[in-house]
Amino acid sequence: MITRVFKSGNSQAVRIPKKYKLKGTKAFIRKEKNKIIITPVENQWDELFEELEKLDQQDFLKDRSQPGPQERELF
């Protein structure tokens, strides 16, 4: 799909078609080689919390071997 690029003040702007509408009022923008990628900000936190809920809290660090306390000299 081709869209319109135009000047808005001193910045360049891109018209985003209605079918690609972003939720919210902020977005992350980054450049990878010759591509510009725009990602909605709100989705980042939602995805993080969804992934955290998938973790089994009962087994968190269950197999971690913890070393004993260190012997230290007092000053």
Protein backbone atom coordinates (compact mmCIF):
# COMPACT_ATOMS: atom_id res chain seq x y z
CA MET A 1 0.00 0.00 0.00
CA ILE A 2 1.27 3.47 -0.84
CA THR A 3 0.46 6.39 1.45
CA ARG A 4 1.16 10.10 1.53
CA VAL A 5 4.25 11.67 3.12
CA PHE A 6 3.96 15.39 3.90
CA LYS A 7 5.52 18.19 5.93
CA SER A 8 3.99 19.13 9.30
CA GLY A 9 5.79 22.15 10.76
CA ASN A 10 9.51 21.30 10.65
CA SER A 11 8.82 17.54 10.71
CA GLN A 12 7.94 14.97 8.10
CA ALA A 13 4.64 13.13 8.62
CA VAL A 14 3.04 10.01 7.17
CA ARG A 15 -0.69 9.52 6.65
CA ILE A 16 -1.65 6.18 8.26
CA PRO A 17 -4.67 4.58 6.55
CA LYS A 18 -7.75 3.91 8.68
CA LYS A 19 -7.31 0.13 8.52
CA TYR A 20 -3.89 0.49 10.26
CA LYS A 21 -5.15 2.85 12.99
CA LEU A 22 -3.06 2.79 16.19
CA LYS A 23 -4.62 2.72 19.65
CA GLY A 24 -3.71 5.59 21.97
CA THR A 25 -1.84 8.79 21.22
CA LYS A 26 1.81 7.64 21.40
CA ALA A 27 3.94 5.22 19.40
CA PHE A 28 7.53 3.98 19.32
CA ILE A 29 9.34 4.66 16.06
CA ARG A 30 12.64 3.10 15.01
CA LYS A 31 14.64 2.66 11.85
CA GLU A 32 16.02 -0.72 10.76
CA LYS A 33 18.20 -0.40 7.65
CA ASN A 34 15.87 1.22 5.10
CA LYS A 35 12.61 0.54 6.99
CA ILE A 36 10.75 2.69 9.52
CA ILE A 37 8.79 0.68 12.11
CA ILE A 38 5.99 2.21 14.20
CA THR A 39 4.69 0.30 17.24
CA PRO A 40 1.84 1.35 19.60
CA VAL A 41 3.11 2.14 23.12
CA GLU A 42 0.16 0.61 25.03
CA ASN A 43 0.65 -2.86 23.55
CA GLN A 44 4.18 -3.11 24.96
CA TRP A 45 2.99 -3.24 28.60
CA ASP A 46 -0.01 -5.45 27.84
CA GLU A 47 2.26 -8.01 26.17
CA LEU A 48 4.70 -7.91 29.09
CA PHE A 49 1.99 -8.54 31.68
CA GLU A 50 0.50 -11.35 29.60
CA GLU A 51 3.90 -13.07 29.42
CA LEU A 52 4.50 -12.58 33.17
CA GLU A 53 1.15 -14.22 33.96
CA LYS A 54 2.27 -17.29 32.00
CA LEU A 55 5.22 -17.87 34.34
CA ASP A 56 4.69 -20.47 37.03
CA GLN A 57 5.34 -18.54 40.24
CA GLN A 58 5.71 -21.73 42.30
CA ASP A 59 8.82 -22.84 40.40
CA PHE A 60 10.49 -19.44 40.26
CA LEU A 61 14.21 -19.96 40.98
CA LYS A 62 13.47 -23.41 42.44
CA ASP A 63 16.62 -24.99 41.02
CA ARG A 64 18.97 -22.11 41.81
CA SER A 65 21.87 -23.10 44.03
CA GLN A 66 22.53 -20.36 46.55
CA PRO A 67 26.08 -20.15 47.95
CA GLY A 68 26.54 -19.88 51.71
CA PRO A 69 27.34 -16.61 53.46
CA GLN A 70 30.80 -15.16 52.86
CA GLU A 71 33.31 -14.89 55.69
CA ARG A 72 34.50 -11.30 55.99
CA GLU A 73 36.84 -9.45 58.31
CA LEU A 74 35.44 -6.61 60.37
CA PHE A 75 37.11 -3.22 60.00
